[in-house]
């Protein structure tokens, strides 16, 4: 910006400015006459491209744009459902109902089976339970990650289907 530009010649762009290649001193003079700043936009070009703008206003507009983009970005909500390797049918149905509610609200679902102590010997039952859940929830969401054992938990991720 202004005094930090090192090039001898610059390509000048901006509002109320005739576009062209100018010596650096003349470009600074033009910016000064308009009471604006000379900002280097593309330093790697030959000659470097500089724009005559109000730098503070430019930064403000840029922050405003970034904030608007951030506000539009959707936040991904992750809900968890925990099972035991020997979860009963009634408990399974109750948790499946919650899973359906979460997926229909647009939240991602992390279903996992937690193995306590020696119950790790039932890891095949845990996998069957998670795969059963995946088939039951097929119309509400799609499986992002199949059941995978990590330490004492077997985890599976389900993403909601787009409406």
N, C-alpha and C. Protein backbone atom coordinates (compact mmCIF):
# COMPACT_ATOMS: atom_id res chain seq x y z
N UNK A 1 0.84 -1.18 0.00
CA UNK A 1 0.00 0.00 0.00
C UNK A 1 0.89 1.25 0.00
N UNK A 2 0.50 2.24 -0.72
CA UNK A 2 1.20 3.52 -0.83
C UNK A 2 2.72 3.41 -0.90
N UNK A 3 3.43 3.71 0.21
CA UNK A 3 4.89 3.76 0.21
C UNK A 3 5.57 2.40 0.19
N UNK A 4 4.84 1.32 0.39
CA UNK A 4 5.45 -0.01 0.45
C UNK A 4 5.54 -0.70 -0.91
N UNK A 5 5.08 -0.05 -1.97
CA UNK A 5 5.13 -0.64 -3.30
C UNK A 5 6.54 -0.43 -3.85
N UNK A 6 7.17 -1.51 -4.34
CA UNK A 6 8.57 -1.47 -4.76
C UNK A 6 8.77 -1.41 -6.27
N UNK A 7 7.74 -1.65 -7.06
CA UNK A 7 7.89 -1.70 -8.52
C UNK A 7 8.15 -0.31 -9.09
N UNK A 8 8.81 -0.26 -10.27
CA UNK A 8 9.09 1.02 -10.93
C UNK A 8 7.85 1.52 -11.68
N UNK A 9 7.17 0.59 -12.36
CA UNK A 9 5.95 0.92 -13.11
C UNK A 9 4.81 0.05 -12.60
N UNK A 10 3.61 0.62 -12.62
CA UNK A 10 2.43 -0.13 -12.18
C UNK A 10 1.29 0.06 -13.16
N UNK A 11 0.44 -0.98 -13.26
CA UNK A 11 -0.79 -0.85 -14.05
C UNK A 11 -1.84 -0.33 -13.09
N UNK A 12 -2.45 0.80 -13.41
CA UNK A 12 -3.36 1.47 -12.51
C UNK A 12 -4.81 1.19 -12.92
N UNK A 13 -5.64 0.80 -11.94
CA UNK A 13 -7.07 0.61 -12.15
C UNK A 13 -7.82 1.27 -11.00
N UNK A 14 -9.11 1.45 -11.17
CA UNK A 14 -9.92 2.05 -10.11
C UNK A 14 -10.98 2.96 -10.68
N UNK A 15 -11.86 3.45 -9.82
CA UNK A 15 -12.92 4.38 -10.23
C UNK A 15 -12.31 5.75 -10.46
N UNK A 16 -12.82 6.48 -11.42
CA UNK A 16 -12.38 7.85 -11.76
C UNK A 16 -10.89 7.90 -12.14
N UNK A 17 -10.34 6.79 -12.64
CA UNK A 17 -8.93 6.72 -13.01
C UNK A 17 -8.84 6.14 -14.41
N UNK A 18 -7.99 6.75 -15.23
CA UNK A 18 -7.77 6.23 -16.57
C UNK A 18 -6.85 5.01 -16.46
N UNK A 19 -7.34 3.84 -16.90
CA UNK A 19 -6.58 2.60 -16.79
C UNK A 19 -5.38 2.66 -17.72
N UNK A 20 -4.21 2.27 -17.18
CA UNK A 20 -3.00 2.28 -17.99
C UNK A 20 -1.78 1.99 -17.15
N UNK A 21 -0.61 1.95 -17.81
CA UNK A 21 0.65 1.72 -17.11
C UNK A 21 1.28 3.08 -16.82
N UNK A 22 1.61 3.32 -15.53
CA UNK A 22 2.15 4.60 -15.08
C UNK A 22 3.44 4.34 -14.29
N UNK A 23 4.34 5.33 -14.27
CA UNK A 23 5.47 5.25 -13.33
C UNK A 23 4.92 5.34 -11.91
N UNK A 24 5.57 4.74 -10.94
CA UNK A 24 5.08 4.67 -9.57
C UNK A 24 4.81 6.05 -8.98
N UNK A 25 5.71 7.01 -9.23
CA UNK A 25 5.55 8.36 -8.67
C UNK A 25 4.26 9.01 -9.19
N UNK A 26 3.98 8.84 -10.49
CA UNK A 26 2.77 9.44 -11.06
C UNK A 26 1.52 8.76 -10.50
N UNK A 27 1.57 7.43 -10.32
CA UNK A 27 0.43 6.69 -9.77
C UNK A 27 0.13 7.15 -8.34
N UNK A 28 1.17 7.36 -7.54
CA UNK A 28 1.00 7.86 -6.17
C UNK A 28 0.39 9.25 -6.18
N UNK A 29 0.85 10.08 -7.14
CA UNK A 29 0.34 11.46 -7.26
C UNK A 29 -1.15 11.45 -7.60
N UNK A 30 -1.55 10.58 -8.52
CA UNK A 30 -2.97 10.47 -8.90
C UNK A 30 -3.81 10.07 -7.70
N UNK A 31 -3.33 9.09 -6.92
CA UNK A 31 -4.06 8.63 -5.73
C UNK A 31 -4.15 9.75 -4.70
N UNK A 32 -3.07 10.50 -4.56
CA UNK A 32 -3.04 11.61 -3.60
C UNK A 32 -4.02 12.70 -3.98
N UNK A 33 -4.11 13.01 -5.28
CA UNK A 33 -5.04 14.04 -5.75
C UNK A 33 -6.49 13.65 -5.47
N UNK A 34 -6.78 12.36 -5.57
CA UNK A 34 -8.14 11.88 -5.31
C UNK A 34 -8.38 11.63 -3.82
N UNK A 35 -7.35 11.88 -3.00
CA UNK A 35 -7.39 11.65 -1.56
C UNK A 35 -7.76 10.20 -1.24
N UNK A 36 -7.16 9.27 -2.00
CA UNK A 36 -7.38 7.84 -1.79
C UNK A 36 -6.03 7.13 -1.66
N UNK A 37 -6.06 5.82 -1.44
CA UNK A 37 -4.84 5.05 -1.27
C UNK A 37 -4.52 4.27 -2.54
N UNK A 38 -3.23 4.05 -2.77
CA UNK A 38 -2.76 3.22 -3.87
C UNK A 38 -2.45 1.84 -3.28
N UNK A 39 -3.24 0.84 -3.66
CA UNK A 39 -3.12 -0.51 -3.08
C UNK A 39 -2.72 -1.50 -4.15
N UNK A 40 -1.69 -2.29 -3.86
CA UNK A 40 -1.21 -3.30 -4.80
C UNK A 40 -2.16 -4.51 -4.73
N UNK A 41 -2.82 -4.78 -5.86
CA UNK A 41 -3.80 -5.87 -5.91
C UNK A 41 -3.14 -7.16 -6.36
N UNK A 42 -2.38 -7.11 -7.44
CA UNK A 42 -1.73 -8.30 -7.99
C UNK A 42 -0.23 -8.05 -8.13
N UNK A 43 0.55 -8.39 -7.09
CA UNK A 43 1.98 -8.08 -7.12
C UNK A 43 2.78 -8.96 -8.09
N UNK A 44 2.27 -10.13 -8.46
CA UNK A 44 3.03 -11.04 -9.31
C UNK A 44 2.86 -10.76 -10.80
N UNK A 45 1.93 -9.87 -11.15
CA UNK A 45 1.71 -9.54 -12.56
C UNK A 45 2.87 -8.68 -13.07
N UNK A 46 2.96 -8.58 -14.38
CA UNK A 46 4.03 -7.75 -14.94
C UNK A 46 3.41 -6.71 -15.87
N UNK A 47 3.36 -5.43 -15.57
CA UNK A 47 3.73 -4.79 -14.30
C UNK A 47 2.67 -5.06 -13.23
N UNK A 48 3.02 -4.89 -11.93
CA UNK A 48 2.06 -5.14 -10.85
C UNK A 48 0.81 -4.25 -10.99
N UNK A 49 -0.33 -4.83 -10.63
CA UNK A 49 -1.60 -4.10 -10.74
C UNK A 49 -1.88 -3.40 -9.41
N UNK A 50 -2.15 -2.09 -9.48
CA UNK A 50 -2.48 -1.31 -8.30
C UNK A 50 -3.85 -0.67 -8.52
N UNK A 51 -4.59 -0.51 -7.42
CA UNK A 51 -5.92 0.06 -7.51
C UNK A 51 -6.00 1.29 -6.61
N UNK A 52 -6.69 2.31 -7.10
CA UNK A 52 -6.88 3.53 -6.31
C UNK A 52 -8.22 3.40 -5.59
N UNK A 53 -8.13 3.16 -4.26
CA UNK A 53 -9.34 2.98 -3.44
C UNK A 53 -9.11 3.55 -2.05
N UNK A 54 -10.20 3.71 -1.30
CA UNK A 54 -10.12 4.07 0.11
C UNK A 54 -9.89 2.75 0.85
N UNK A 55 -8.69 2.56 1.38
CA UNK A 55 -8.28 1.27 1.94
C UNK A 55 -9.15 0.87 3.14
N UNK A 56 -9.46 1.81 4.01
CA UNK A 56 -10.29 1.51 5.20
C UNK A 56 -11.68 1.03 4.76
N UNK A 57 -12.23 1.71 3.76
CA UNK A 57 -13.55 1.33 3.25
C UNK A 57 -13.49 -0.05 2.60
N UNK A 58 -12.39 -0.32 1.89
CA UNK A 58 -12.18 -1.60 1.24
C UNK A 58 -12.15 -2.74 2.27
N UNK A 59 -11.40 -2.53 3.36
CA UNK A 59 -11.33 -3.53 4.44
C UNK A 59 -12.70 -3.75 5.07
N UNK A 60 -13.43 -2.65 5.30
CA UNK A 60 -14.76 -2.73 5.88
C UNK A 60 -15.69 -3.56 4.99
N UNK A 61 -15.67 -3.28 3.69
CA UNK A 61 -16.52 -4.01 2.73
C UNK A 61 -16.16 -5.50 2.72
N UNK A 62 -14.85 -5.77 2.77
CA UNK A 62 -14.38 -7.16 2.74
C UNK A 62 -14.85 -7.92 3.99
N UNK A 63 -14.74 -7.30 5.17
CA UNK A 63 -15.21 -7.92 6.41
C UNK A 63 -16.71 -8.15 6.36
N UNK A 64 -17.42 -7.17 5.81
CA UNK A 64 -18.87 -7.28 5.70
C UNK A 64 -19.26 -8.47 4.81
N UNK A 65 -18.55 -8.63 3.68
CA UNK A 65 -18.81 -9.75 2.77
C UNK A 65 -18.53 -11.09 3.45
N UNK A 66 -17.39 -11.17 4.17
CA UNK A 66 -17.03 -12.40 4.86
C UNK A 66 -18.05 -12.76 5.93
N UNK A 67 -18.54 -11.75 6.63
CA UNK A 67 -19.54 -11.98 7.67
C UNK A 67 -20.84 -12.49 7.07
N UNK A 68 -21.23 -11.93 5.93
CA UNK A 68 -22.44 -12.37 5.25
C UNK A 68 -22.30 -13.82 4.78
N UNK A 69 -21.13 -14.17 4.25
CA UNK A 69 -20.89 -15.55 3.81
C UNK A 69 -20.93 -16.52 5.00
N UNK A 70 -20.35 -16.08 6.11
CA UNK A 70 -20.32 -16.92 7.30
C UNK A 70 -21.72 -17.15 7.84
N UNK A 71 -22.57 -16.12 7.77
CA UNK A 71 -23.93 -16.24 8.25
C UNK A 71 -24.74 -17.20 7.38
N UNK A 72 -24.44 -17.22 6.07
CA UNK A 72 -25.16 -18.11 5.16
C UNK A 72 -24.73 -19.56 5.31
N UNK A 73 -23.49 -19.78 5.76
CA UNK A 73 -22.98 -21.14 5.89
C UNK A 73 -23.80 -21.90 6.93
N UNK A 74 -24.19 -23.11 6.58
CA UNK A 74 -25.03 -23.89 7.50
C UNK A 74 -24.14 -24.62 8.51
N UNK A 75 -24.60 -24.63 9.72
CA UNK A 75 -23.89 -25.32 10.79
C UNK A 75 -24.38 -26.76 10.81
N UNK A 76 -23.44 -27.70 10.89
CA UNK A 76 -23.80 -29.11 10.93
C UNK A 76 -23.96 -29.52 12.39
N UNK A 77 -25.14 -30.01 12.71
CA UNK A 77 -25.43 -30.46 14.07
C UNK A 77 -25.19 -31.96 14.12
N UNK A 78 -24.45 -32.40 15.12
CA UNK A 78 -24.16 -33.83 15.28
C UNK A 78 -24.87 -34.33 16.52
N UNK A 79 -25.73 -35.34 16.34
CA UNK A 79 -26.43 -35.96 17.46
C UNK A 79 -25.87 -37.35 17.66
N UNK A 80 -25.81 -37.78 18.91
CA UNK A 80 -25.26 -39.09 19.22
C UNK A 80 -26.32 -39.99 19.84
N UNK A 81 -26.26 -41.27 19.48
CA UNK A 81 -27.12 -42.27 20.10
C UNK A 81 -26.21 -43.42 20.53
N UNK A 82 -26.34 -43.80 21.78
CA UNK A 82 -25.44 -44.82 22.35
C UNK A 82 -26.23 -46.10 22.61
N UNK A 83 -25.64 -47.19 22.20
CA UNK A 83 -26.21 -48.51 22.44
C UNK A 83 -25.22 -49.34 23.24
N UNK A 84 -25.74 -50.38 23.88
CA UNK A 84 -24.90 -51.41 24.48
C UNK A 84 -24.91 -52.59 23.53
N UNK A 85 -23.99 -53.53 23.67
CA UNK A 85 -23.99 -54.66 22.74
C UNK A 85 -25.23 -55.55 22.86
N UNK A 86 -25.88 -55.55 24.01
CA UNK A 86 -27.06 -56.38 24.24
C UNK A 86 -28.31 -55.52 24.43
N UNK A 87 -28.46 -54.45 23.64
CA UNK A 87 -29.61 -53.56 23.76
C UNK A 87 -30.88 -54.32 23.39
N UNK A 88 -31.90 -54.18 24.22
CA UNK A 88 -33.17 -54.88 24.05
C UNK A 88 -33.99 -54.25 22.92
N UNK A 89 -35.00 -54.95 22.42
CA UNK A 89 -35.82 -54.46 21.30
C UNK A 89 -36.55 -53.17 21.62
N UNK A 90 -37.12 -53.08 22.82
CA UNK A 90 -37.87 -51.87 23.19
C UNK A 90 -36.95 -50.65 23.23
N UNK A 91 -35.77 -50.82 23.84
CA UNK A 91 -34.80 -49.72 23.91
C UNK A 91 -34.34 -49.33 22.50
N UNK A 92 -34.12 -50.35 21.67
CA UNK A 92 -33.70 -50.11 20.29
C UNK A 92 -34.75 -49.29 19.55
N UNK A 93 -36.03 -49.68 19.68
CA UNK A 93 -37.11 -48.95 18.99
C UNK A 93 -37.20 -47.50 19.48
N UNK A 94 -37.04 -47.32 20.79
CA UNK A 94 -37.10 -45.98 21.39
C UNK A 94 -35.98 -45.09 20.82
N UNK A 95 -34.77 -45.65 20.74
CA UNK A 95 -33.63 -44.89 20.23
C UNK A 95 -33.75 -44.68 18.72
N UNK A 96 -34.33 -45.65 18.02
CA UNK A 96 -34.53 -45.51 16.57
C UNK A 96 -35.50 -44.37 16.29
N UNK A 97 -36.53 -44.22 17.13
CA UNK A 97 -37.50 -43.13 16.98
C UNK A 97 -36.80 -41.78 17.13
N UNK A 98 -35.89 -41.69 18.10
CA UNK A 98 -35.12 -40.46 18.28
C UNK A 98 -34.21 -40.20 17.07
N UNK A 99 -33.61 -41.25 16.57
CA UNK A 99 -32.73 -41.13 15.41
C UNK A 99 -33.50 -40.60 14.21
N UNK A 100 -34.71 -41.09 14.00
CA UNK A 100 -35.56 -40.61 12.90
C UNK A 100 -35.85 -39.13 13.08
N UNK A 101 -36.15 -38.74 14.31
CA UNK A 101 -36.44 -37.32 14.60
C UNK A 101 -35.22 -36.46 14.29
N UNK A 102 -34.03 -36.90 14.72
CA UNK A 102 -32.80 -36.14 14.49
C UNK A 102 -32.53 -35.98 13.00
N UNK A 103 -32.65 -37.08 12.25
CA UNK A 103 -32.36 -37.04 10.81
C UNK A 103 -33.37 -36.17 10.06
N UNK A 104 -34.64 -36.22 10.48
CA UNK A 104 -35.66 -35.40 9.80
C UNK A 104 -35.48 -33.92 10.11
N UNK A 105 -34.83 -33.60 11.23
CA UNK A 105 -34.52 -32.20 11.56
C UNK A 105 -33.27 -31.72 10.81
N UNK A 106 -32.57 -32.64 10.13
CA UNK A 106 -31.39 -32.26 9.35
C UNK A 106 -30.08 -32.42 10.09
N UNK A 107 -30.08 -33.07 11.23
CA UNK A 107 -28.84 -33.27 11.99
C UNK A 107 -28.17 -34.57 11.55
N UNK A 108 -26.84 -34.59 11.63
CA UNK A 108 -26.11 -35.83 11.37
C UNK A 108 -26.23 -36.71 12.60
N UNK A 109 -26.09 -38.01 12.40
CA UNK A 109 -26.26 -38.95 13.50
C UNK A 109 -25.00 -39.77 13.67
N UNK A 110 -24.56 -39.87 14.92
CA UNK A 110 -23.43 -40.73 15.25
C UNK A 110 -23.99 -41.79 16.19
N UNK A 111 -24.13 -43.00 15.66
CA UNK A 111 -24.63 -44.10 16.47
C UNK A 111 -23.43 -44.94 16.87
N UNK A 112 -23.35 -45.28 18.15
CA UNK A 112 -22.23 -46.11 18.56
C UNK A 112 -22.63 -47.11 19.62
N UNK A 113 -21.91 -48.21 19.62
CA UNK A 113 -22.08 -49.25 20.63
C UNK A 113 -20.86 -49.17 21.54
N UNK A 114 -21.11 -49.02 22.84
CA UNK A 114 -20.03 -48.91 23.80
C UNK A 114 -19.85 -50.24 24.50
N UNK A 115 -18.63 -50.76 24.46
CA UNK A 115 -18.34 -52.04 25.09
C UNK A 115 -17.66 -51.80 26.42
N UNK A 116 -18.34 -52.24 27.53
CA UNK A 116 -17.76 -52.09 28.87
C UNK A 116 -17.08 -53.40 29.26
N UNK A 117 -15.93 -53.29 29.85
CA UNK A 117 -15.24 -54.46 30.40
C UNK A 117 -15.08 -55.58 29.39
N UNK A 118 -15.62 -56.76 29.74
CA UNK A 118 -15.43 -57.94 28.90
C UNK A 118 -16.49 -58.05 27.81
N UNK A 119 -17.41 -57.10 27.73
CA UNK A 119 -18.46 -57.17 26.70
C UNK A 119 -17.89 -56.99 25.29
N UNK A 120 -16.59 -56.71 25.18
CA UNK A 120 -15.94 -56.55 23.87
C UNK A 120 -16.02 -57.86 23.08
N UNK A 121 -16.26 -58.98 23.77
CA UNK A 121 -16.39 -60.26 23.06
C UNK A 121 -17.66 -60.29 22.20
N UNK A 122 -18.59 -59.35 22.43
CA UNK A 122 -19.84 -59.30 21.66
C UNK A 122 -19.77 -58.28 20.52
N UNK A 123 -18.56 -58.02 20.01
CA UNK A 123 -18.44 -56.99 18.98
C UNK A 123 -19.22 -57.33 17.72
N UNK A 124 -19.41 -58.62 17.41
CA UNK A 124 -20.22 -58.99 16.25
C UNK A 124 -21.68 -58.61 16.47
N UNK A 125 -22.18 -58.75 17.73
CA UNK A 125 -23.55 -58.34 18.03
C UNK A 125 -23.71 -56.82 17.89
N UNK A 126 -22.68 -56.09 18.31
CA UNK A 126 -22.72 -54.63 18.17
C UNK A 126 -22.78 -54.21 16.72
N UNK A 127 -22.00 -54.87 15.88
CA UNK A 127 -22.00 -54.54 14.46
C UNK A 127 -23.35 -54.87 13.83
N UNK A 128 -23.94 -56.01 14.19
CA UNK A 128 -25.26 -56.39 13.69
C UNK A 128 -26.30 -55.35 14.08
N UNK A 129 -26.21 -54.87 15.33
CA UNK A 129 -27.14 -53.85 15.84
C UNK A 129 -27.04 -52.56 15.02
N UNK A 130 -25.82 -52.10 14.74
CA UNK A 130 -25.63 -50.87 13.97
C UNK A 130 -26.09 -51.04 12.52
N UNK A 131 -25.81 -52.19 11.93
CA UNK A 131 -26.25 -52.43 10.55
C UNK A 131 -27.77 -52.51 10.46
N UNK A 132 -28.40 -53.07 11.50
CA UNK A 132 -29.87 -53.12 11.56
C UNK A 132 -30.43 -51.69 11.62
N UNK A 133 -29.78 -50.84 12.43
CA UNK A 133 -30.19 -49.44 12.53
C UNK A 133 -30.05 -48.75 11.16
N UNK A 134 -28.95 -49.02 10.47
CA UNK A 134 -28.72 -48.41 9.15
C UNK A 134 -29.80 -48.80 8.17
N UNK A 135 -30.20 -50.07 8.15
CA UNK A 135 -31.26 -50.49 7.22
C UNK A 135 -32.61 -49.91 7.62
N UNK A 136 -32.86 -49.78 8.93
CA UNK A 136 -34.14 -49.19 9.39
C UNK A 136 -34.24 -47.70 9.06
N UNK A 137 -33.10 -47.02 9.01
CA UNK A 137 -33.09 -45.57 8.77
C UNK A 137 -32.79 -45.22 7.31
N UNK A 138 -32.82 -46.22 6.42
CA UNK A 138 -32.45 -46.02 5.02
C UNK A 138 -33.25 -44.91 4.33
N UNK A 139 -34.55 -44.80 4.65
CA UNK A 139 -35.37 -43.77 3.97
C UNK A 139 -35.16 -42.38 4.55
N UNK A 140 -34.54 -42.26 5.72
CA UNK A 140 -34.33 -40.96 6.36
C UNK A 140 -32.92 -40.41 6.15
N UNK A 141 -31.94 -41.31 5.98
CA UNK A 141 -30.57 -40.86 5.82
C UNK A 141 -29.72 -41.93 5.17
N UNK A 142 -28.51 -41.52 4.75
CA UNK A 142 -27.60 -42.49 4.15
C UNK A 142 -26.37 -42.64 5.03
N UNK A 143 -25.81 -43.85 5.02
CA UNK A 143 -24.66 -44.16 5.86
C UNK A 143 -23.42 -43.49 5.26
N UNK A 144 -22.76 -42.67 6.08
CA UNK A 144 -21.51 -42.02 5.66
C UNK A 144 -20.32 -42.91 5.95
N UNK A 145 -20.40 -43.61 7.08
CA UNK A 145 -19.30 -44.49 7.47
C UNK A 145 -19.89 -45.74 8.09
N UNK A 146 -19.52 -46.88 7.56
CA UNK A 146 -20.00 -48.15 8.10
C UNK A 146 -19.41 -48.38 9.49
N UNK A 147 -20.00 -49.28 10.28
CA UNK A 147 -19.49 -49.51 11.64
C UNK A 147 -18.01 -49.84 11.66
N UNK A 148 -17.28 -49.14 12.53
CA UNK A 148 -15.84 -49.33 12.65
C UNK A 148 -15.48 -49.33 14.13
N UNK A 149 -14.68 -50.29 14.54
CA UNK A 149 -14.30 -50.42 15.94
C UNK A 149 -13.09 -49.52 16.22
N UNK A 150 -13.25 -48.63 17.21
CA UNK A 150 -12.16 -47.75 17.65
C UNK A 150 -12.07 -47.88 19.16
N UNK A 151 -11.10 -48.63 19.62
CA UNK A 151 -10.96 -48.83 21.06
C UNK A 151 -12.12 -49.64 21.60
N UNK A 152 -12.88 -49.05 22.53
CA UNK A 152 -14.02 -49.75 23.13
C UNK A 152 -15.36 -49.34 22.52
N UNK A 153 -15.34 -48.59 21.43
CA UNK A 153 -16.60 -48.22 20.78
C UNK A 153 -16.60 -48.60 19.31
N UNK A 154 -17.77 -48.97 18.85
CA UNK A 154 -17.97 -49.24 17.43
C UNK A 154 -18.88 -48.11 16.93
N UNK A 155 -18.39 -47.32 15.99
CA UNK A 155 -19.07 -46.10 15.57
C UNK A 155 -19.56 -46.19 14.13
N UNK A 156 -20.71 -45.55 13.88
CA UNK A 156 -21.26 -45.45 12.53
C UNK A 156 -21.87 -44.06 12.36
N UNK A 157 -21.66 -43.44 11.20
CA UNK A 157 -22.21 -42.10 10.93
C UNK A 157 -23.29 -42.17 9.87
N UNK A 158 -24.38 -41.45 10.11
CA UNK A 158 -25.48 -41.38 9.13
C UNK A 158 -25.79 -39.91 8.87
N UNK A 159 -25.85 -39.54 7.59
CA UNK A 159 -26.16 -38.16 7.20
C UNK A 159 -27.61 -38.12 6.74
N UNK A 160 -28.32 -37.02 7.01
CA UNK A 160 -29.72 -36.92 6.58
C UNK A 160 -29.83 -36.83 5.06
N UNK A 161 -30.93 -37.33 4.53
CA UNK A 161 -31.18 -37.21 3.09
C UNK A 161 -31.70 -35.83 2.80
N UNK A 162 -31.30 -35.27 1.66
CA UNK A 162 -31.77 -33.93 1.27
C UNK A 162 -33.23 -34.02 0.88
N UNK A 163 -33.97 -33.00 1.22
CA UNK A 163 -35.41 -32.98 0.88
C UNK A 163 -35.60 -32.49 -0.52
